[in-house]
Amino acid sequence: MVRFKKNIIKFCQTNKKTLLNKKIGLFICSGNGKEIDNQFENSFDSELLDHSLTKGYFGYEYNFEKMNFLYKIIVKKITGINQSVSKIKIDKIKAFVKKFNKDLKKGLHGQEE
């Protein structure tokens, strides 16, 4: 199961009221592309999920050149990957932006602004 870093979770909790008054989109970058819906549910508050205009999964990247020794060992052990790899889903990012902009124009609840 994917869990966000504590600082992201804390930010969402601390700023939940403000975020619920903004037009937001949520995305996940993860080496585990399976069970994305479960990953969203386990990573974001249900109110934020319901409130977001769109959600997206953008793939992942492991850049071994930027990792410290311990992190490299952990990544190798968990994923079996032993060299840098980029599986960023540019098409998914573009689709997310397009949908977000379209929904932004309609407003949060499908009404023209």
N, C-alpha and C. Protein backbone atom coordinates (compact mmCIF):
# COMPACT_ATOMS: atom_id res chain seq x y z
N MET A 1 0.83 -1.17 0.00
CA MET A 1 0.00 0.00 0.00
C MET A 1 0.89 1.25 0.00
N VAL A 2 0.54 2.21 -0.79
CA VAL A 2 1.29 3.45 -0.89
C VAL A 2 0.77 4.43 0.15
N ARG A 3 1.67 5.05 0.86
CA ARG A 3 1.31 6.12 1.80
C ARG A 3 2.20 7.31 1.50
N PHE A 4 1.62 8.47 1.60
CA PHE A 4 2.38 9.68 1.34
C PHE A 4 3.31 9.99 2.50
N LYS A 5 4.27 10.83 2.21
CA LYS A 5 5.15 11.31 3.26
C LYS A 5 4.31 12.06 4.29
N LYS A 6 4.77 12.00 5.51
CA LYS A 6 4.04 12.59 6.62
C LYS A 6 3.78 14.09 6.41
N ASN A 7 4.72 14.80 5.79
CA ASN A 7 4.52 16.24 5.62
C ASN A 7 3.38 16.56 4.66
N ILE A 8 3.12 15.71 3.69
CA ILE A 8 2.00 15.93 2.76
C ILE A 8 0.68 15.63 3.47
N ILE A 9 0.66 14.55 4.24
CA ILE A 9 -0.55 14.21 4.99
C ILE A 9 -0.86 15.32 5.99
N LYS A 10 0.15 15.79 6.69
CA LYS A 10 -0.05 16.86 7.67
C LYS A 10 -0.55 18.13 6.99
N PHE A 11 0.02 18.46 5.82
CA PHE A 11 -0.42 19.65 5.09
C PHE A 11 -1.91 19.55 4.75
N CYS A 12 -2.34 18.41 4.24
CA CYS A 12 -3.74 18.22 3.87
C CYS A 12 -4.65 18.30 5.09
N GLN A 13 -4.22 17.75 6.21
CA GLN A 13 -5.02 17.80 7.43
C GLN A 13 -5.10 19.23 7.97
N THR A 14 -3.96 19.88 8.04
CA THR A 14 -3.89 21.24 8.57
C THR A 14 -4.66 22.23 7.72
N ASN A 15 -4.64 22.04 6.41
CA ASN A 15 -5.24 22.99 5.48
C ASN A 15 -6.53 22.48 4.84
N LYS A 16 -7.14 21.49 5.45
CA LYS A 16 -8.33 20.86 4.87
C LYS A 16 -9.43 21.88 4.58
N LYS A 17 -9.72 22.73 5.53
CA LYS A 17 -10.79 23.72 5.36
C LYS A 17 -10.49 24.64 4.17
N THR A 18 -9.26 25.09 4.06
CA THR A 18 -8.86 25.95 2.94
C THR A 18 -8.95 25.19 1.63
N LEU A 19 -8.46 23.95 1.61
CA LEU A 19 -8.48 23.14 0.38
C LEU A 19 -9.91 22.88 -0.08
N LEU A 20 -10.83 22.72 0.87
CA LEU A 20 -12.22 22.47 0.51
C LEU A 20 -12.90 23.71 -0.07
N ASN A 21 -12.25 24.86 0.06
CA ASN A 21 -12.76 26.10 -0.53
C ASN A 21 -12.04 26.45 -1.83
N LYS A 22 -11.18 25.56 -2.29
CA LYS A 22 -10.43 25.75 -3.53
C LYS A 22 -10.84 24.70 -4.54
N LYS A 23 -10.56 24.99 -5.78
CA LYS A 23 -10.76 24.00 -6.83
C LYS A 23 -9.45 23.23 -6.95
N ILE A 24 -9.51 21.94 -6.63
CA ILE A 24 -8.29 21.14 -6.57
C ILE A 24 -8.38 19.90 -7.45
N GLY A 25 -7.23 19.39 -7.82
CA GLY A 25 -7.09 18.10 -8.47
C GLY A 25 -6.06 17.32 -7.68
N LEU A 26 -6.24 16.03 -7.55
CA LEU A 26 -5.32 15.19 -6.78
C LEU A 26 -4.68 14.15 -7.69
N PHE A 27 -3.40 13.88 -7.44
CA PHE A 27 -2.72 12.87 -8.24
C PHE A 27 -1.76 12.08 -7.39
N ILE A 28 -1.42 10.91 -7.89
CA ILE A 28 -0.47 10.02 -7.23
C ILE A 28 0.59 9.62 -8.24
N CYS A 29 1.83 9.63 -7.78
CA CYS A 29 2.95 9.05 -8.53
C CYS A 29 3.42 7.86 -7.69
N SER A 30 3.40 6.67 -8.29
CA SER A 30 3.70 5.46 -7.53
C SER A 30 4.20 4.37 -8.45
N GLY A 31 5.13 3.58 -7.93
CA GLY A 31 5.61 2.43 -8.68
C GLY A 31 4.59 1.31 -8.75
N ASN A 32 3.56 1.40 -7.94
CA ASN A 32 2.50 0.39 -7.93
C ASN A 32 1.28 0.97 -8.62
N GLY A 33 1.10 0.65 -9.89
CA GLY A 33 -0.02 1.19 -10.66
C GLY A 33 -1.31 0.43 -10.46
N LYS A 34 -1.28 -0.60 -9.62
CA LYS A 34 -2.49 -1.39 -9.36
C LYS A 34 -3.27 -0.76 -8.20
N GLU A 35 -4.55 -0.99 -8.21
CA GLU A 35 -5.41 -0.56 -7.11
C GLU A 35 -5.29 0.94 -6.82
N ILE A 36 -5.31 1.74 -7.88
CA ILE A 36 -5.16 3.19 -7.72
C ILE A 36 -6.26 3.76 -6.85
N ASP A 37 -7.50 3.29 -7.03
CA ASP A 37 -8.60 3.80 -6.20
C ASP A 37 -8.32 3.57 -4.72
N ASN A 38 -7.81 2.40 -4.38
CA ASN A 38 -7.47 2.11 -2.98
C ASN A 38 -6.34 3.02 -2.50
N GLN A 39 -5.38 3.29 -3.38
CA GLN A 39 -4.28 4.17 -3.01
C GLN A 39 -4.80 5.58 -2.71
N PHE A 40 -5.73 6.06 -3.53
CA PHE A 40 -6.32 7.38 -3.26
C PHE A 40 -7.04 7.37 -1.92
N GLU A 41 -7.86 6.36 -1.68
CA GLU A 41 -8.64 6.28 -0.44
C GLU A 41 -7.74 6.20 0.78
N ASN A 42 -6.60 5.54 0.66
CA ASN A 42 -5.68 5.40 1.78
C ASN A 42 -4.75 6.60 1.95
N SER A 43 -4.72 7.49 0.96
CA SER A 43 -3.78 8.60 1.00
C SER A 43 -4.45 9.95 1.24
N PHE A 44 -5.71 10.10 0.85
CA PHE A 44 -6.40 11.37 0.97
C PHE A 44 -7.68 11.22 1.78
N ASP A 45 -8.03 12.27 2.48
CA ASP A 45 -9.29 12.35 3.22
C ASP A 45 -10.45 12.22 2.24
N SER A 46 -11.51 11.53 2.64
CA SER A 46 -12.65 11.29 1.75
C SER A 46 -13.30 12.59 1.29
N GLU A 47 -13.35 13.60 2.16
CA GLU A 47 -13.92 14.88 1.75
C GLU A 47 -13.10 15.53 0.64
N LEU A 48 -11.79 15.46 0.75
CA LEU A 48 -10.92 16.02 -0.30
C LEU A 48 -11.09 15.25 -1.60
N LEU A 49 -11.20 13.93 -1.51
CA LEU A 49 -11.41 13.11 -2.71
C LEU A 49 -12.71 13.48 -3.40
N ASP A 50 -13.78 13.60 -2.63
CA ASP A 50 -15.08 13.94 -3.19
C ASP A 50 -15.09 15.36 -3.77
N HIS A 51 -14.31 16.23 -3.17
CA HIS A 51 -14.28 17.64 -3.56
C HIS A 51 -13.42 17.88 -4.81
N SER A 52 -12.43 17.05 -5.04
CA SER A 52 -11.48 17.30 -6.14
C SER A 52 -12.18 17.25 -7.50
N LEU A 53 -11.74 18.12 -8.38
CA LEU A 53 -12.30 18.15 -9.73
C LEU A 53 -11.91 16.91 -10.52
N THR A 54 -10.70 16.44 -10.31
CA THR A 54 -10.21 15.25 -11.02
C THR A 54 -9.11 14.59 -10.21
N LYS A 55 -8.86 13.33 -10.53
CA LYS A 55 -7.78 12.57 -9.90
C LYS A 55 -6.95 11.94 -11.02
N GLY A 56 -5.67 11.72 -10.74
CA GLY A 56 -4.83 11.11 -11.76
C GLY A 56 -3.71 10.27 -11.19
N TYR A 57 -3.28 9.30 -11.98
CA TYR A 57 -2.12 8.48 -11.67
C TYR A 57 -1.08 8.77 -12.75
N PHE A 58 0.10 9.23 -12.34
CA PHE A 58 1.11 9.71 -13.29
C PHE A 58 2.33 8.82 -13.43
N GLY A 59 2.30 7.61 -12.90
CA GLY A 59 3.44 6.71 -13.05
C GLY A 59 4.49 6.95 -11.98
N TYR A 60 5.75 6.70 -12.33
CA TYR A 60 6.82 6.81 -11.33
C TYR A 60 8.17 6.99 -12.00
N GLU A 61 9.16 7.30 -11.17
CA GLU A 61 10.54 7.39 -11.62
C GLU A 61 11.45 7.06 -10.44
N TYR A 62 12.46 6.26 -10.70
CA TYR A 62 13.51 6.01 -9.72
C TYR A 62 14.81 6.52 -10.33
N ASN A 63 15.38 7.55 -9.73
CA ASN A 63 16.61 8.14 -10.23
C ASN A 63 17.74 7.77 -9.27
N PHE A 64 18.45 6.71 -9.60
CA PHE A 64 19.50 6.19 -8.72
C PHE A 64 20.65 7.18 -8.54
N GLU A 65 20.86 8.06 -9.52
CA GLU A 65 21.93 9.04 -9.40
C GLU A 65 21.67 10.04 -8.27
N LYS A 66 20.40 10.24 -7.93
CA LYS A 66 20.04 11.20 -6.89
C LYS A 66 19.75 10.54 -5.54
N MET A 67 19.77 9.21 -5.48
CA MET A 67 19.45 8.49 -4.24
C MET A 67 20.69 8.29 -3.39
N ASN A 68 20.50 8.33 -2.06
CA ASN A 68 21.61 7.97 -1.19
C ASN A 68 21.72 6.44 -1.14
N PHE A 69 22.78 5.95 -0.57
CA PHE A 69 23.07 4.52 -0.57
C PHE A 69 21.94 3.71 0.06
N LEU A 70 21.46 4.13 1.23
CA LEU A 70 20.42 3.39 1.93
C LEU A 70 19.13 3.33 1.10
N TYR A 71 18.75 4.44 0.51
CA TYR A 71 17.53 4.47 -0.29
C TYR A 71 17.65 3.55 -1.51
N LYS A 72 18.83 3.51 -2.12
CA LYS A 72 19.05 2.59 -3.26
C LYS A 72 18.82 1.14 -2.84
N ILE A 73 19.34 0.78 -1.68
CA ILE A 73 19.17 -0.59 -1.18
C ILE A 73 17.70 -0.89 -0.96
N ILE A 74 16.97 0.04 -0.36
CA ILE A 74 15.55 -0.16 -0.08
C ILE A 74 14.77 -0.32 -1.38
N VAL A 75 15.03 0.55 -2.35
CA VAL A 75 14.33 0.48 -3.64
C VAL A 75 14.63 -0.85 -4.34
N LYS A 76 15.89 -1.25 -4.34
CA LYS A 76 16.26 -2.51 -4.97
C LYS A 76 15.54 -3.69 -4.30
N LYS A 77 15.49 -3.68 -2.98
CA LYS A 77 14.88 -4.78 -2.23
C LYS A 77 13.37 -4.85 -2.49
N ILE A 78 12.70 -3.71 -2.48
CA ILE A 78 11.24 -3.69 -2.62
C ILE A 78 10.79 -3.90 -4.06
N THR A 79 11.47 -3.25 -5.00
CA THR A 79 11.00 -3.26 -6.40
C THR A 79 11.74 -4.23 -7.30
N GLY A 80 12.95 -4.60 -6.92
CA GLY A 80 13.76 -5.44 -7.80
C GLY A 80 14.46 -4.62 -8.89
N ILE A 81 14.24 -3.32 -8.88
CA ILE A 81 14.86 -2.43 -9.87
C ILE A 81 16.23 -2.03 -9.34
N ASN A 82 17.26 -2.11 -10.20
CA ASN A 82 18.61 -1.78 -9.74
C ASN A 82 19.29 -0.70 -10.59
N GLN A 83 18.51 0.02 -11.38
CA GLN A 83 19.05 1.14 -12.14
C GLN A 83 17.95 2.17 -12.36
N SER A 84 18.35 3.37 -12.72
CA SER A 84 17.38 4.43 -12.93
C SER A 84 16.35 4.04 -13.99
N VAL A 85 15.11 4.39 -13.73
CA VAL A 85 14.03 4.10 -14.66
C VAL A 85 12.99 5.22 -14.54
N SER A 86 12.42 5.60 -15.68
CA SER A 86 11.38 6.62 -15.69
C SER A 86 10.16 6.06 -16.42
N LYS A 87 9.07 5.99 -15.70
CA LYS A 87 7.80 5.52 -16.25
C LYS A 87 6.73 6.59 -16.03
N ILE A 88 7.14 7.85 -16.20
CA ILE A 88 6.22 8.97 -16.06
C ILE A 88 5.24 8.92 -17.23
N LYS A 89 3.97 9.05 -16.93
CA LYS A 89 2.91 8.94 -17.94
C LYS A 89 2.49 10.34 -18.40
N ILE A 90 3.25 10.86 -19.35
CA ILE A 90 3.02 12.21 -19.87
C ILE A 90 1.60 12.34 -20.43
N ASP A 91 1.12 11.32 -21.12
CA ASP A 91 -0.23 11.36 -21.67
C ASP A 91 -1.28 11.50 -20.57
N LYS A 92 -1.06 10.85 -19.43
CA LYS A 92 -1.99 10.94 -18.31
C LYS A 92 -1.96 12.34 -17.67
N ILE A 93 -0.77 12.92 -17.63
CA ILE A 93 -0.64 14.28 -17.09
C ILE A 93 -1.39 15.26 -17.98
N LYS A 94 -1.21 15.13 -19.29
CA LYS A 94 -1.90 16.03 -20.23
C LYS A 94 -3.41 15.86 -20.14
N ALA A 95 -3.89 14.63 -20.02
CA ALA A 95 -5.33 14.37 -19.90
C ALA A 95 -5.87 14.95 -18.60
N PHE A 96 -5.10 14.84 -17.51
CA PHE A 96 -5.48 15.39 -16.22
C PHE A 96 -5.66 16.91 -16.33
N VAL A 97 -4.68 17.57 -16.92
CA VAL A 97 -4.73 19.03 -17.08
C VAL A 97 -5.91 19.44 -17.94
N LYS A 98 -6.14 18.73 -19.02
CA LYS A 98 -7.25 19.04 -19.91
C LYS A 98 -8.59 18.90 -19.17
N LYS A 99 -8.77 17.80 -18.44
CA LYS A 99 -10.00 17.58 -17.69
C LYS A 99 -10.15 18.61 -16.59
N PHE A 100 -9.06 18.90 -15.88
CA PHE A 100 -9.12 19.88 -14.80
C PHE A 100 -9.55 21.25 -15.34
N ASN A 101 -8.94 21.68 -16.43
CA ASN A 101 -9.30 22.97 -17.03
C ASN A 101 -10.75 22.99 -17.50
N LYS A 102 -11.21 21.89 -18.08
CA LYS A 102 -12.60 21.81 -18.54
C LYS A 102 -13.56 21.91 -17.35
N ASP A 103 -13.27 21.13 -16.29
CA ASP A 103 -14.11 21.15 -15.10
C ASP A 103 -14.03 22.48 -14.37
N LEU A 104 -12.87 23.11 -14.42
CA LEU A 104 -12.68 24.41 -13.79
C LEU A 104 -13.61 25.45 -14.43
N LYS A 105 -13.76 25.37 -15.72
CA LYS A 105 -14.63 26.31 -16.43
C LYS A 105 -16.10 26.07 -16.08
N LYS A 106 -16.45 24.81 -15.80
CA LYS A 106 -17.84 24.48 -15.44
C LYS A 106 -18.14 24.83 -13.99
N GLY A 107 -17.13 24.95 -13.16
CA GLY A 107 -17.35 25.19 -11.74
C GLY A 107 -17.34 23.89 -10.98
N LEU A 108 -17.35 23.96 -9.70
CA LEU A 108 -17.23 22.78 -8.85
C LEU A 108 -18.39 21.82 -8.99
N HIS A 109 -19.57 22.33 -9.27
CA HIS A 109 -20.74 21.46 -9.26
C HIS A 109 -21.45 21.43 -10.61
N GLY A 110 -20.65 21.57 -11.67
CA GLY A 110 -21.20 21.41 -13.01
C GLY A 110 -21.98 22.61 -13.52
N GLN A 111 -21.89 23.73 -12.86
CA GLN A 111 -22.59 24.93 -13.30
C GLN A 111 -21.60 25.90 -13.90
N GLU A 112 -21.99 26.55 -14.97
CA GLU A 112 -21.13 27.56 -15.59
C GLU A 112 -20.91 28.69 -14.62
N GLU A 113 -19.69 29.20 -14.57
CA GLU A 113 -19.39 30.34 -13.72
C GLU A 113 -19.64 31.63 -14.43
